[in-house]
Amino acid sequence: MKYLMWLLNAAIFFVLFAFALNNQAPVTLHLFFGVSWQAPLVLALLVALVLGVFLGVIVMLPLWLRARRKASQKASTPLSAAPAPAQPAAVITDAVENRHGT
């Protein structure tokens, strides 16, 4: 299994490496206020990917922290404060039958 993962990682690396070699043409990015940036296409794509991942993490961070805080509060709740477990159906059935006299 370990060798299969190495083989998969190597294949992904070589595909990305070939992609980078095929996209070395310079591109000009026109930013705001007349600023432009000239770089290889693969570098521009890498920067866009990193910015997208960074923004995604920033947007999700409050949700992750809230869920983590809720999970830690739930784990630290003492057992006495937990709700009582539900009674099994057999106990409830016996109580109903005894009440009706059957």
Protein backbone atom coordinates (compact mmCIF):
# COMPACT_ATOMS: atom_id res chain seq x y z
CA MET A 1 0.00 0.00 0.00
CA LYS A 2 2.88 2.34 0.83
CA TYR A 3 4.40 1.73 -2.61
CA LEU A 4 1.09 2.48 -4.29
CA MET A 5 0.92 5.86 -2.51
CA TRP A 6 4.50 6.66 -3.59
CA LEU A 7 3.59 5.76 -7.15
CA LEU A 8 0.47 7.96 -7.03
CA ASN A 9 2.43 10.88 -5.56
CA ALA A 10 5.13 10.50 -8.23
CA ALA A 11 2.49 10.47 -10.98
CA ILE A 12 0.85 13.61 -9.62
CA PHE A 13 4.26 15.31 -9.35
CA PHE A 14 5.21 14.47 -12.94
CA VAL A 15 1.84 15.65 -14.28
CA LEU A 16 2.19 18.97 -12.44
CA PHE A 17 5.82 19.28 -13.53
CA ALA A 18 4.86 18.71 -17.18
CA PHE A 19 2.06 21.29 -16.78
CA ALA A 20 4.58 23.81 -15.46
CA LEU A 21 7.00 23.14 -18.29
CA ASN A 22 4.27 23.59 -20.89
CA ASN A 23 3.06 26.91 -19.42
CA GLN A 24 6.20 29.03 -19.15
CA ALA A 25 5.02 31.75 -21.51
CA PRO A 26 4.99 35.18 -19.86
CA VAL A 27 1.62 36.74 -19.14
CA THR A 28 0.82 40.26 -18.02
CA LEU A 29 -1.64 40.72 -15.21
CA HIS A 30 -3.22 44.16 -15.15
CA LEU A 31 -4.02 44.97 -11.54
CA PHE A 32 -5.72 48.01 -10.06
CA PHE A 33 -4.52 51.62 -10.39
CA GLY A 34 -2.50 50.94 -13.55
CA VAL A 35 -0.21 48.41 -11.90
CA SER A 36 0.78 45.44 -14.04
CA TRP A 37 2.73 42.31 -13.23
CA GLN A 38 4.49 40.13 -15.78
CA ALA A 39 5.25 36.54 -14.80
CA PRO A 40 5.13 33.02 -16.23
CA LEU A 41 1.61 31.63 -16.55
CA VAL A 42 2.28 28.75 -14.16
CA LEU A 43 3.44 31.20 -11.47
CA ALA A 44 0.33 33.33 -11.93
CA LEU A 45 -1.84 30.21 -11.58
CA LEU A 46 0.07 29.13 -8.48
CA VAL A 47 -0.42 32.55 -6.87
CA ALA A 48 -4.15 32.44 -7.70
CA LEU A 49 -4.42 28.95 -6.16
CA VAL A 50 -2.59 29.98 -2.98
CA LEU A 51 -4.74 33.12 -2.62
CA GLY A 52 -7.91 31.07 -3.11
CA VAL A 53 -6.90 28.52 -0.47
CA PHE A 54 -5.91 31.31 1.94
CA LEU A 55 -9.21 33.13 1.48
CA GLY A 56 -11.15 29.88 1.89
CA VAL A 57 -9.39 29.14 5.17
CA ILE A 58 -10.01 32.69 6.42
CA VAL A 59 -13.73 32.40 5.60
CA MET A 60 -14.08 28.97 7.25
CA LEU A 61 -12.01 29.78 10.35
CA PRO A 62 -14.89 31.23 12.44
CA LEU A 63 -17.06 28.17 11.70
CA TRP A 64 -14.25 25.78 12.64
CA LEU A 65 -13.53 27.63 15.86
CA ARG A 66 -17.23 27.72 16.80
CA ALA A 67 -17.60 23.98 16.15
CA ARG A 68 -14.44 23.24 18.12
CA ARG A 69 -15.62 25.35 21.06
CA LYS A 70 -19.02 23.62 21.02
CA ALA A 71 -17.38 20.17 20.93
CA SER A 72 -15.07 21.02 23.84
CA GLN A 73 -17.99 22.35 25.88
CA LYS A 74 -19.96 19.19 25.15
CA ALA A 75 -17.01 17.01 26.20
CA SER A 76 -16.52 18.93 29.45
CA THR A 77 -20.22 18.70 30.46
CA PRO A 78 -20.49 16.62 33.66
CA LEU A 79 -22.58 13.46 33.51
CA SER A 80 -25.02 14.74 36.12
CA ALA A 81 -26.01 17.58 33.80
CA ALA A 82 -26.61 15.21 30.90
CA PRO A 83 -30.24 14.29 30.17
CA ALA A 84 -31.52 11.00 31.56
CA PRO A 85 -31.40 8.10 29.12
CA ALA A 86 -34.66 7.01 27.55
CA GLN A 87 -36.38 3.97 29.02
CA PRO A 88 -36.33 0.81 26.96
CA ALA A 89 -39.54 -0.04 25.11
CA ALA A 90 -40.04 -3.25 27.12
CA VAL A 91 -40.26 -1.33 30.42
CA ILE A 92 -42.80 1.09 28.96
CA THR A 93 -44.85 -1.79 27.48
CA ASP A 94 -44.88 -3.61 30.85
CA ALA A 95 -46.03 -0.46 32.64
CA VAL A 96 -48.87 0.07 30.15
CA GLU A 97 -50.00 -3.56 30.39
CA ASN A 98 -49.99 -3.48 34.20
CA ARG A 99 -52.01 -0.30 34.25
CA HIS A 100 -54.75 -1.79 32.06
CA GLY A 101 -54.80 -4.99 34.05
CA THR A 102 -53.96 -7.32 31.18
